N, C-alpha and C. Protein backbone atom coordinates (compact mmCIF):
# COMPACT_ATOMS: atom_id res chain seq x y z
N UNK A 1 292.92 254.49 67.11
CA UNK A 1 291.81 253.64 66.60
C UNK A 1 291.53 254.05 65.16
N UNK A 2 291.19 253.02 64.36
CA UNK A 2 290.82 253.26 62.94
C UNK A 2 289.47 253.80 62.78
N UNK A 3 289.33 254.58 61.82
CA UNK A 3 288.05 255.28 61.27
C UNK A 3 287.15 254.19 60.99
N UNK A 4 285.89 254.24 61.40
CA UNK A 4 284.79 253.32 61.08
C UNK A 4 283.89 254.02 60.07
N UNK A 5 283.63 253.27 58.97
CA UNK A 5 282.78 253.87 57.93
C UNK A 5 281.40 253.22 58.07
N UNK A 6 280.52 254.07 57.57
CA UNK A 6 278.96 253.49 57.55
C UNK A 6 278.54 253.68 56.08
N UNK A 7 278.54 252.66 55.28
CA UNK A 7 278.33 252.75 53.95
C UNK A 7 276.89 252.11 53.58
N UNK A 8 276.27 252.53 52.61
CA UNK A 8 274.99 252.00 52.03
C UNK A 8 275.40 251.92 50.48
N UNK A 9 274.77 250.80 49.94
CA UNK A 9 274.85 250.53 48.43
C UNK A 9 273.74 249.59 48.11
N UNK A 10 273.59 249.52 46.88
CA UNK A 10 272.68 248.48 46.22
C UNK A 10 273.47 247.67 45.25
N UNK A 11 273.07 246.36 45.42
CA UNK A 11 273.69 245.30 44.47
C UNK A 11 272.62 244.63 43.73
N UNK A 12 272.75 244.55 42.49
CA UNK A 12 271.73 243.82 41.60
C UNK A 12 272.28 242.44 41.34
N UNK A 13 271.42 241.44 41.59
CA UNK A 13 271.75 239.99 41.29
C UNK A 13 271.58 239.72 39.82
N UNK A 14 272.87 239.42 39.18
CA UNK A 14 272.82 239.30 37.78
C UNK A 14 273.11 237.80 37.38
N UNK A 15 273.11 236.99 38.49
CA UNK A 15 273.33 235.52 38.16
C UNK A 15 272.04 234.90 37.95
N UNK A 16 271.91 233.99 37.19
CA UNK A 16 270.59 233.27 36.82
C UNK A 16 269.86 232.72 38.00
N UNK A 17 270.58 232.19 38.80
CA UNK A 17 270.02 231.51 40.07
C UNK A 17 269.64 232.28 41.19
N UNK A 18 270.03 233.58 41.10
CA UNK A 18 269.83 234.49 42.34
C UNK A 18 270.62 234.20 43.44
N UNK A 19 270.17 234.50 44.69
CA UNK A 19 270.95 234.26 45.90
C UNK A 19 270.67 232.94 46.39
N UNK A 20 271.35 231.92 45.87
CA UNK A 20 271.09 230.51 46.25
C UNK A 20 272.20 230.11 47.11
N UNK A 21 272.37 228.88 47.40
CA UNK A 21 273.39 228.42 48.36
C UNK A 21 274.89 228.72 47.88
N UNK A 22 275.41 228.52 46.56
CA UNK A 22 276.57 228.89 46.14
C UNK A 22 276.86 230.41 46.16
N UNK A 23 275.83 231.08 45.67
CA UNK A 23 276.20 232.54 45.62
C UNK A 23 276.21 233.12 47.08
N UNK A 24 275.39 232.64 47.94
CA UNK A 24 275.52 233.16 49.38
C UNK A 24 276.84 232.75 49.93
N UNK A 25 277.42 231.59 49.70
CA UNK A 25 278.70 231.17 50.24
C UNK A 25 279.70 232.09 49.55
N UNK A 26 279.71 232.44 48.32
CA UNK A 26 280.55 233.40 47.71
C UNK A 26 280.58 234.83 48.40
N UNK A 27 279.27 235.22 48.65
CA UNK A 27 279.11 236.64 49.28
C UNK A 27 279.78 236.53 50.61
N UNK A 28 279.66 235.49 51.47
CA UNK A 28 280.12 235.39 52.88
C UNK A 28 281.72 235.33 52.75
N UNK A 29 282.17 234.53 51.84
CA UNK A 29 283.64 234.35 51.65
C UNK A 29 284.33 235.66 51.19
N UNK A 30 283.64 236.50 50.53
CA UNK A 30 284.21 237.83 50.20
C UNK A 30 284.40 238.76 51.36
N UNK A 31 283.77 238.32 52.40
CA UNK A 31 283.88 239.23 53.54
C UNK A 31 284.93 238.81 54.48
N UNK A 32 285.52 237.58 54.24
CA UNK A 32 286.49 236.87 55.23
C UNK A 32 287.61 237.72 55.49
N UNK A 33 288.09 237.89 56.71
CA UNK A 33 289.09 238.63 57.27
C UNK A 33 288.87 240.18 57.32
N UNK A 34 287.73 240.56 56.92
CA UNK A 34 287.39 242.04 56.96
C UNK A 34 286.68 242.42 58.28
N UNK A 35 287.00 243.54 58.85
CA UNK A 35 286.33 243.95 60.07
C UNK A 35 285.22 244.87 59.63
N UNK A 36 284.06 244.29 59.43
CA UNK A 36 282.87 245.06 59.04
C UNK A 36 281.62 244.14 59.31
N UNK A 37 280.53 244.89 59.69
CA UNK A 37 279.27 244.31 59.94
C UNK A 37 278.48 244.62 58.64
N UNK A 38 277.81 243.51 58.21
CA UNK A 38 277.04 243.82 56.91
C UNK A 38 275.59 243.29 57.10
N UNK A 39 274.71 244.19 56.77
CA UNK A 39 273.23 243.70 56.72
C UNK A 39 272.71 243.84 55.31
N UNK A 40 271.89 242.91 54.94
CA UNK A 40 271.31 242.89 53.68
C UNK A 40 269.86 243.01 53.76
N UNK A 41 269.26 243.84 52.96
CA UNK A 41 267.79 243.96 52.99
C UNK A 41 267.20 243.84 51.55
N UNK A 42 266.23 243.00 51.48
CA UNK A 42 265.47 242.70 50.33
C UNK A 42 264.02 242.54 50.66
N UNK A 43 263.04 243.16 50.06
CA UNK A 43 261.68 243.17 50.26
C UNK A 43 261.34 243.30 51.80
N UNK A 44 261.88 244.32 52.38
CA UNK A 44 261.69 244.62 53.83
C UNK A 44 262.12 243.57 54.85
N UNK A 45 262.93 242.62 54.28
CA UNK A 45 263.57 241.67 55.27
C UNK A 45 265.09 242.03 55.42
N UNK A 46 265.42 241.98 56.71
CA UNK A 46 266.93 242.35 56.88
C UNK A 46 267.72 241.17 57.46
N UNK A 47 268.71 240.84 56.81
CA UNK A 47 269.42 239.60 57.47
C UNK A 47 270.99 240.03 57.56
N UNK A 48 271.65 239.17 58.26
CA UNK A 48 273.04 239.34 58.51
C UNK A 48 273.90 238.88 57.29
N UNK A 49 274.62 239.80 56.75
CA UNK A 49 275.32 239.43 55.44
C UNK A 49 276.58 238.55 55.67
N UNK A 50 276.85 238.27 56.86
CA UNK A 50 277.90 237.27 57.09
C UNK A 50 277.32 235.91 57.34
N UNK A 51 276.14 235.69 57.22
CA UNK A 51 275.47 234.38 57.47
C UNK A 51 274.93 233.78 56.19
N UNK A 52 275.57 232.80 55.71
CA UNK A 52 275.09 232.05 54.55
C UNK A 52 273.69 231.70 54.62
N UNK A 53 273.26 231.11 55.78
CA UNK A 53 271.87 230.65 56.05
C UNK A 53 271.02 231.88 55.85
N UNK A 54 271.26 232.96 56.57
CA UNK A 54 270.37 234.11 56.58
C UNK A 54 270.13 234.49 55.07
N UNK A 55 271.31 234.77 54.40
CA UNK A 55 271.20 235.20 53.02
C UNK A 55 270.44 234.26 52.17
N UNK A 56 270.45 233.02 52.27
CA UNK A 56 269.68 232.07 51.65
C UNK A 56 268.18 232.10 51.87
N UNK A 57 267.79 232.42 53.18
CA UNK A 57 266.50 232.60 53.54
C UNK A 57 265.73 233.80 52.86
N UNK A 58 266.50 234.63 52.20
CA UNK A 58 265.87 235.86 51.44
C UNK A 58 265.17 235.30 50.16
N UNK A 59 265.78 234.29 49.52
CA UNK A 59 265.26 233.64 48.30
C UNK A 59 265.27 234.81 47.25
N UNK A 60 266.18 235.71 47.21
CA UNK A 60 266.10 236.83 46.32
C UNK A 60 266.54 236.24 44.95
N UNK A 61 265.66 236.34 43.81
CA UNK A 61 265.97 235.76 42.57
C UNK A 61 266.67 236.69 41.67
N UNK A 62 266.95 236.20 40.47
CA UNK A 62 267.74 237.01 39.42
C UNK A 62 267.12 238.46 39.27
N UNK A 63 267.90 239.36 39.24
CA UNK A 63 267.27 240.63 39.03
C UNK A 63 267.02 241.50 40.27
N UNK A 64 266.99 240.84 41.37
CA UNK A 64 266.69 241.43 42.70
C UNK A 64 267.67 242.60 43.01
N UNK A 65 267.22 243.65 43.57
CA UNK A 65 268.22 244.69 44.11
C UNK A 65 268.22 244.59 45.57
N UNK A 66 269.50 244.31 46.12
CA UNK A 66 269.74 244.07 47.42
C UNK A 66 270.24 245.46 47.97
N UNK A 67 269.70 245.90 49.17
CA UNK A 67 270.13 247.01 49.91
C UNK A 67 271.28 246.52 50.89
N UNK A 68 272.39 247.05 50.75
CA UNK A 68 273.54 246.71 51.66
C UNK A 68 274.00 247.77 52.50
N UNK A 69 274.07 247.39 53.79
CA UNK A 69 274.63 248.48 54.76
C UNK A 69 275.79 247.81 55.41
N UNK A 70 276.92 248.60 55.44
CA UNK A 70 278.25 248.04 55.97
C UNK A 70 278.75 249.02 56.97
N UNK A 71 279.11 248.61 58.12
CA UNK A 71 279.75 249.44 59.16
C UNK A 71 280.99 248.76 59.52
N UNK A 72 282.07 249.59 59.81
CA UNK A 72 283.23 249.00 60.37
C UNK A 72 284.49 249.57 59.75
N UNK A 73 285.69 249.25 60.28
CA UNK A 73 287.01 249.82 59.88
C UNK A 73 287.19 249.39 58.38
N UNK A 74 286.72 248.20 57.94
CA UNK A 74 287.01 247.74 56.60
C UNK A 74 285.84 247.80 55.67
N UNK A 75 284.94 248.81 55.95
CA UNK A 75 283.76 248.93 55.24
C UNK A 75 283.95 249.20 53.74
N UNK A 76 284.93 250.03 53.40
CA UNK A 76 285.34 250.32 52.10
C UNK A 76 285.78 248.96 51.35
N UNK A 77 286.68 248.23 51.91
CA UNK A 77 287.13 246.93 51.30
C UNK A 77 285.94 245.99 51.20
N UNK A 78 285.06 245.90 52.22
CA UNK A 78 284.02 244.92 52.11
C UNK A 78 282.97 245.41 50.98
N UNK A 79 282.63 246.66 50.78
CA UNK A 79 281.88 247.11 49.71
C UNK A 79 282.61 246.78 48.37
N UNK A 80 283.83 246.98 48.27
CA UNK A 80 284.52 246.62 47.07
C UNK A 80 284.44 245.24 46.73
N UNK A 81 284.58 244.34 47.69
CA UNK A 81 284.64 242.87 47.54
C UNK A 81 283.27 242.37 47.06
N UNK A 82 282.17 242.96 47.76
CA UNK A 82 280.83 242.50 47.41
C UNK A 82 280.38 243.01 46.04
N UNK A 83 280.79 244.24 45.73
CA UNK A 83 280.44 244.75 44.38
C UNK A 83 281.12 243.93 43.37
N UNK A 84 282.38 243.42 43.52
CA UNK A 84 283.05 242.73 42.59
C UNK A 84 282.41 241.43 42.33
N UNK A 85 282.03 240.59 43.49
CA UNK A 85 281.36 239.21 43.28
C UNK A 85 279.94 239.51 42.69
N UNK A 86 279.23 240.57 43.00
CA UNK A 86 277.91 240.63 42.32
C UNK A 86 278.17 240.96 40.95
N UNK A 87 279.02 241.79 40.54
CA UNK A 87 279.32 242.23 39.15
C UNK A 87 279.70 240.96 38.37
N UNK A 88 280.55 240.12 38.93
CA UNK A 88 280.98 238.93 38.33
C UNK A 88 279.97 237.73 38.45
N UNK A 89 278.81 238.05 38.74
CA UNK A 89 277.65 237.06 38.86
C UNK A 89 277.97 235.89 39.75
N UNK A 90 278.76 236.24 40.91
CA UNK A 90 279.03 235.22 41.86
C UNK A 90 279.95 234.15 41.27
N UNK A 91 280.64 234.54 40.13
CA UNK A 91 281.48 233.45 39.44
C UNK A 91 280.79 232.37 38.75
N UNK A 92 279.57 232.61 38.51
CA UNK A 92 278.79 231.66 37.72
C UNK A 92 278.66 231.93 36.33
N UNK A 93 278.28 231.19 35.43
CA UNK A 93 278.26 231.39 34.12
C UNK A 93 276.89 232.17 33.75
């Protein structure tokens, strides 16, 4: 059985629009194929990080710091993928 990791991290939204539909879709796609449960917390609201709709309901604007918790066999890969898309401003200009 594979080791399961439990990771916590903070991601800062650097894209101008914040966590809107397109950014939420990029966030969810970054997790495709990975065995990891992801929860996202912002302003005391916790949502499923694999749900585009849940992420959009946060309404987190530019500059928000999201608390990320990742559990599962692919937790390290999931954190790396999410960190990359956040750093790349969700591939927006």
